[in-house]
């Protein structure tokens, strides 16, 4: 999840943050996406551009720009198990 650090993307400064709350999966991409902040795998978006997605790096502490990273060995199964409209709960 979001590291809380500042980063620069697409011409502006942002803070790496994952909002807490109740969301739903709004869209999915089955496959690879080259996003502005890097390559992501099988993303399931739940809050604008924030998604649960596969990553080659899944450290044990918060380190993303806001997304929830999952290991590459799980991303394909995950995107196939969930669907648009399913709830996502983000909490501490």
N, C-alpha and C. Protein backbone atom coordinates (compact mmCIF):
# COMPACT_ATOMS: atom_id res chain seq x y z
N UNK A 1 0.84 -1.19 0.00
CA UNK A 1 0.00 0.00 0.00
C UNK A 1 0.87 1.24 0.00
N UNK A 2 0.25 2.42 -0.05
CA UNK A 2 0.96 3.69 -0.19
C UNK A 2 1.99 3.95 0.90
N UNK A 3 3.17 4.38 0.47
CA UNK A 3 4.30 4.58 1.39
C UNK A 3 4.21 5.89 2.16
N UNK A 4 3.38 6.82 1.71
CA UNK A 4 3.32 8.14 2.34
C UNK A 4 4.35 9.12 1.81
N UNK A 5 5.25 8.65 0.96
CA UNK A 5 6.30 9.50 0.38
C UNK A 5 5.73 10.35 -0.75
N UNK A 6 6.43 11.47 -1.03
CA UNK A 6 6.05 12.30 -2.17
C UNK A 6 6.74 11.76 -3.42
N UNK A 7 6.05 11.90 -4.57
CA UNK A 7 6.62 11.49 -5.84
C UNK A 7 6.11 12.44 -6.93
N UNK A 8 6.84 12.49 -8.03
CA UNK A 8 6.51 13.37 -9.16
C UNK A 8 6.07 12.51 -10.33
N UNK A 9 4.87 12.78 -10.86
CA UNK A 9 4.36 12.02 -12.00
C UNK A 9 3.44 12.89 -12.84
N UNK A 10 3.59 12.79 -14.13
CA UNK A 10 2.75 13.50 -15.09
C UNK A 10 2.65 14.99 -14.78
N UNK A 11 3.81 15.59 -14.45
CA UNK A 11 3.90 17.03 -14.28
C UNK A 11 3.49 17.58 -12.93
N UNK A 12 3.22 16.71 -11.93
CA UNK A 12 2.85 17.26 -10.62
C UNK A 12 3.32 16.34 -9.50
N UNK A 13 3.44 16.94 -8.32
CA UNK A 13 3.83 16.21 -7.12
C UNK A 13 2.59 15.61 -6.47
N UNK A 14 2.74 14.39 -6.01
CA UNK A 14 1.66 13.66 -5.33
C UNK A 14 2.22 13.03 -4.06
N UNK A 15 1.32 12.57 -3.21
CA UNK A 15 1.71 11.81 -2.02
C UNK A 15 1.22 10.38 -2.22
N UNK A 16 2.08 9.40 -1.96
CA UNK A 16 1.75 7.98 -2.10
C UNK A 16 0.83 7.59 -0.95
N UNK A 17 -0.45 7.43 -1.27
CA UNK A 17 -1.45 7.18 -0.24
C UNK A 17 -2.50 6.20 -0.74
N UNK A 18 -2.89 5.29 0.12
CA UNK A 18 -3.98 4.37 -0.17
C UNK A 18 -5.14 4.75 0.74
N UNK A 19 -6.22 5.30 0.20
CA UNK A 19 -7.35 5.71 1.05
C UNK A 19 -8.00 4.51 1.73
N UNK A 20 -8.40 4.71 2.98
CA UNK A 20 -9.11 3.67 3.72
C UNK A 20 -10.60 3.80 3.43
N UNK A 21 -11.31 2.68 3.48
CA UNK A 21 -12.74 2.74 3.29
C UNK A 21 -13.27 1.53 2.55
N UNK A 22 -14.53 1.65 2.13
CA UNK A 22 -15.24 0.60 1.40
C UNK A 22 -15.36 1.03 -0.05
N UNK A 23 -14.89 0.19 -0.95
CA UNK A 23 -14.91 0.48 -2.38
C UNK A 23 -15.46 -0.74 -3.11
N UNK A 24 -15.60 -0.63 -4.42
CA UNK A 24 -15.92 -1.79 -5.25
C UNK A 24 -14.95 -1.81 -6.43
N UNK A 25 -14.70 -2.98 -6.95
CA UNK A 25 -13.87 -3.09 -8.16
C UNK A 25 -14.66 -2.47 -9.30
N UNK A 26 -14.06 -1.47 -9.92
CA UNK A 26 -14.76 -0.73 -10.98
C UNK A 26 -14.35 -1.14 -12.39
N UNK A 27 -13.14 -1.68 -12.54
CA UNK A 27 -12.70 -2.15 -13.85
C UNK A 27 -11.49 -3.05 -13.67
N UNK A 28 -11.23 -3.86 -14.67
CA UNK A 28 -10.11 -4.78 -14.63
C UNK A 28 -9.42 -4.82 -15.99
N UNK A 29 -8.14 -5.15 -15.95
CA UNK A 29 -7.38 -5.41 -17.17
C UNK A 29 -6.76 -6.78 -17.00
N UNK A 30 -7.10 -7.70 -17.89
CA UNK A 30 -6.51 -9.03 -17.88
C UNK A 30 -5.26 -8.97 -18.75
N UNK A 31 -4.12 -8.87 -18.09
CA UNK A 31 -2.86 -8.77 -18.82
C UNK A 31 -1.99 -7.67 -18.24
N UNK A 32 -1.02 -7.26 -19.03
CA UNK A 32 -0.02 -6.28 -18.61
C UNK A 32 -0.43 -4.88 -19.02
N UNK A 33 -0.20 -3.92 -18.12
CA UNK A 33 -0.45 -2.52 -18.44
C UNK A 33 0.80 -1.72 -18.14
N UNK A 34 1.23 -0.93 -19.12
CA UNK A 34 2.35 -0.02 -18.91
C UNK A 34 1.76 1.30 -18.44
N UNK A 35 1.74 1.49 -17.13
CA UNK A 35 1.17 2.67 -16.49
C UNK A 35 2.23 3.75 -16.33
N UNK A 36 1.82 5.01 -16.06
CA UNK A 36 2.80 6.09 -15.90
C UNK A 36 3.85 5.82 -14.82
N UNK A 37 3.50 5.05 -13.79
CA UNK A 37 4.43 4.79 -12.70
C UNK A 37 5.14 3.45 -12.81
N UNK A 38 4.90 2.72 -13.89
CA UNK A 38 5.57 1.44 -14.09
C UNK A 38 4.63 0.39 -14.65
N UNK A 39 5.17 -0.76 -14.92
CA UNK A 39 4.40 -1.87 -15.46
C UNK A 39 3.66 -2.58 -14.33
N UNK A 40 2.37 -2.84 -14.56
CA UNK A 40 1.56 -3.57 -13.59
C UNK A 40 0.88 -4.74 -14.30
N UNK A 41 0.52 -5.74 -13.51
CA UNK A 41 0.03 -6.99 -14.07
C UNK A 41 -1.37 -7.30 -13.53
N UNK A 42 -2.31 -7.52 -14.44
CA UNK A 42 -3.68 -7.92 -14.11
C UNK A 42 -4.32 -7.02 -13.04
N UNK A 43 -4.37 -5.71 -13.27
CA UNK A 43 -4.92 -4.81 -12.26
C UNK A 43 -6.45 -4.90 -12.13
N UNK A 44 -6.91 -4.83 -10.89
CA UNK A 44 -8.33 -4.69 -10.56
C UNK A 44 -8.47 -3.36 -9.83
N UNK A 45 -9.01 -2.35 -10.52
CA UNK A 45 -9.10 -0.99 -9.99
C UNK A 45 -10.28 -0.87 -9.04
N UNK A 46 -10.04 -0.20 -7.90
CA UNK A 46 -11.11 -0.03 -6.93
C UNK A 46 -11.32 1.42 -6.49
N UNK A 47 -10.42 2.32 -6.85
CA UNK A 47 -10.57 3.73 -6.48
C UNK A 47 -9.80 4.57 -7.51
N UNK A 48 -10.47 4.96 -8.59
CA UNK A 48 -9.79 5.71 -9.63
C UNK A 48 -8.65 4.89 -10.22
N UNK A 49 -7.43 5.41 -10.11
CA UNK A 49 -6.26 4.72 -10.63
C UNK A 49 -5.60 3.79 -9.64
N UNK A 50 -6.21 3.57 -8.48
CA UNK A 50 -5.65 2.69 -7.47
C UNK A 50 -6.20 1.28 -7.67
N UNK A 51 -5.30 0.30 -7.68
CA UNK A 51 -5.68 -1.07 -8.01
C UNK A 51 -4.98 -2.08 -7.11
N UNK A 52 -5.51 -3.27 -7.12
CA UNK A 52 -4.81 -4.45 -6.62
C UNK A 52 -4.19 -5.07 -7.86
N UNK A 53 -2.87 -5.23 -7.88
CA UNK A 53 -2.22 -5.73 -9.09
C UNK A 53 -0.95 -6.50 -8.78
N UNK A 54 -0.55 -7.32 -9.72
CA UNK A 54 0.69 -8.05 -9.61
C UNK A 54 1.89 -7.13 -9.77
N UNK A 55 2.94 -7.47 -9.03
CA UNK A 55 4.17 -6.69 -9.08
C UNK A 55 5.36 -7.63 -8.88
N UNK A 56 6.50 -7.26 -9.47
CA UNK A 56 7.73 -8.02 -9.25
C UNK A 56 8.34 -7.72 -7.90
N UNK A 57 7.88 -6.65 -7.24
CA UNK A 57 8.39 -6.26 -5.93
C UNK A 57 7.22 -6.12 -4.96
N UNK A 58 7.19 -6.97 -3.94
CA UNK A 58 6.15 -6.91 -2.91
C UNK A 58 6.85 -6.95 -1.56
N UNK A 59 7.36 -5.79 -1.10
CA UNK A 59 8.07 -5.76 0.18
C UNK A 59 7.10 -5.91 1.36
N UNK A 60 7.62 -6.24 2.54
CA UNK A 60 6.75 -6.45 3.71
C UNK A 60 6.22 -5.17 4.35
N UNK A 61 6.64 -4.01 3.85
CA UNK A 61 6.17 -2.73 4.37
C UNK A 61 5.55 -1.91 3.24
N UNK A 62 4.79 -0.89 3.60
CA UNK A 62 4.16 -0.01 2.60
C UNK A 62 5.23 0.62 1.72
N UNK A 63 5.10 0.46 0.40
CA UNK A 63 6.13 0.96 -0.50
C UNK A 63 5.58 1.42 -1.85
N UNK A 64 4.27 1.32 -2.07
CA UNK A 64 3.72 1.64 -3.39
C UNK A 64 3.34 3.12 -3.48
N UNK A 65 2.85 3.50 -4.65
CA UNK A 65 2.32 4.85 -4.85
C UNK A 65 0.87 4.94 -4.41
N UNK A 66 0.28 3.83 -3.99
CA UNK A 66 -1.10 3.80 -3.52
C UNK A 66 -1.79 2.48 -3.78
N UNK A 67 -1.29 1.74 -4.75
CA UNK A 67 -1.90 0.45 -5.08
C UNK A 67 -1.55 -0.61 -4.04
N UNK A 68 -2.32 -1.70 -4.08
CA UNK A 68 -2.03 -2.87 -3.25
C UNK A 68 -1.36 -3.90 -4.15
N UNK A 69 -0.10 -4.17 -3.87
CA UNK A 69 0.66 -5.10 -4.70
C UNK A 69 0.45 -6.54 -4.23
N UNK A 70 0.38 -7.44 -5.19
CA UNK A 70 0.37 -8.86 -4.89
C UNK A 70 1.45 -9.53 -5.73
N UNK A 71 1.96 -10.69 -5.28
CA UNK A 71 3.04 -11.34 -6.03
C UNK A 71 2.60 -11.79 -7.41
N UNK A 72 3.56 -11.85 -8.32
CA UNK A 72 3.29 -12.26 -9.70
C UNK A 72 2.68 -13.66 -9.77
N UNK A 73 3.05 -14.57 -8.87
CA UNK A 73 2.50 -15.92 -8.94
C UNK A 73 1.00 -15.94 -8.64
N UNK A 74 0.47 -14.86 -8.07
CA UNK A 74 -0.95 -14.82 -7.68
C UNK A 74 -1.81 -13.90 -8.54
N UNK A 75 -1.21 -13.00 -9.32
CA UNK A 75 -2.02 -11.97 -9.98
C UNK A 75 -3.01 -12.53 -11.00
N UNK A 76 -2.64 -13.52 -11.77
CA UNK A 76 -3.56 -14.08 -12.77
C UNK A 76 -4.74 -14.78 -12.11
N UNK A 77 -4.48 -15.56 -11.08
CA UNK A 77 -5.57 -16.23 -10.37
C UNK A 77 -6.47 -15.19 -9.69
N UNK A 78 -5.86 -14.15 -9.10
CA UNK A 78 -6.65 -13.14 -8.40
C UNK A 78 -7.62 -12.43 -9.35
N UNK A 79 -7.11 -11.95 -10.49
CA UNK A 79 -7.97 -11.21 -11.42
C UNK A 79 -9.09 -12.09 -11.97
N UNK A 80 -8.85 -13.40 -12.05
CA UNK A 80 -9.89 -14.32 -12.50
C UNK A 80 -10.90 -14.64 -11.40
N UNK A 81 -10.51 -14.50 -10.13
CA UNK A 81 -11.41 -14.83 -9.01
C UNK A 81 -12.33 -13.68 -8.62
N UNK A 82 -11.93 -12.45 -8.91
CA UNK A 82 -12.75 -11.29 -8.54
C UNK A 82 -13.39 -10.71 -9.79
N UNK A 83 -14.40 -9.86 -9.59
CA UNK A 83 -15.09 -9.29 -10.74
C UNK A 83 -15.55 -7.87 -10.43
N UNK A 84 -15.87 -7.13 -11.48
CA UNK A 84 -16.38 -5.77 -11.33
C UNK A 84 -17.60 -5.80 -10.44
N UNK A 85 -17.64 -4.89 -9.47
CA UNK A 85 -18.75 -4.81 -8.53
C UNK A 85 -18.47 -5.45 -7.18
N UNK A 86 -17.41 -6.28 -7.10
CA UNK A 86 -17.10 -6.92 -5.82
C UNK A 86 -16.55 -5.89 -4.84
N UNK A 87 -16.85 -6.04 -3.54
CA UNK A 87 -16.38 -5.07 -2.55
C UNK A 87 -14.89 -5.22 -2.26
N UNK A 88 -14.28 -4.09 -1.92
CA UNK A 88 -12.89 -4.03 -1.46
C UNK A 88 -12.90 -3.19 -0.19
N UNK A 89 -12.34 -3.74 0.88
CA UNK A 89 -12.24 -3.03 2.15
C UNK A 89 -10.79 -2.75 2.44
N UNK A 90 -10.46 -1.47 2.63
CA UNK A 90 -9.08 -1.08 2.93
C UNK A 90 -9.08 -0.50 4.35
N UNK A 91 -8.27 -1.11 5.21
CA UNK A 91 -8.22 -0.65 6.60
C UNK A 91 -6.84 -0.94 7.18
N UNK A 92 -6.55 -0.32 8.30
CA UNK A 92 -5.27 -0.53 8.99
C UNK A 92 -5.35 -1.74 9.88
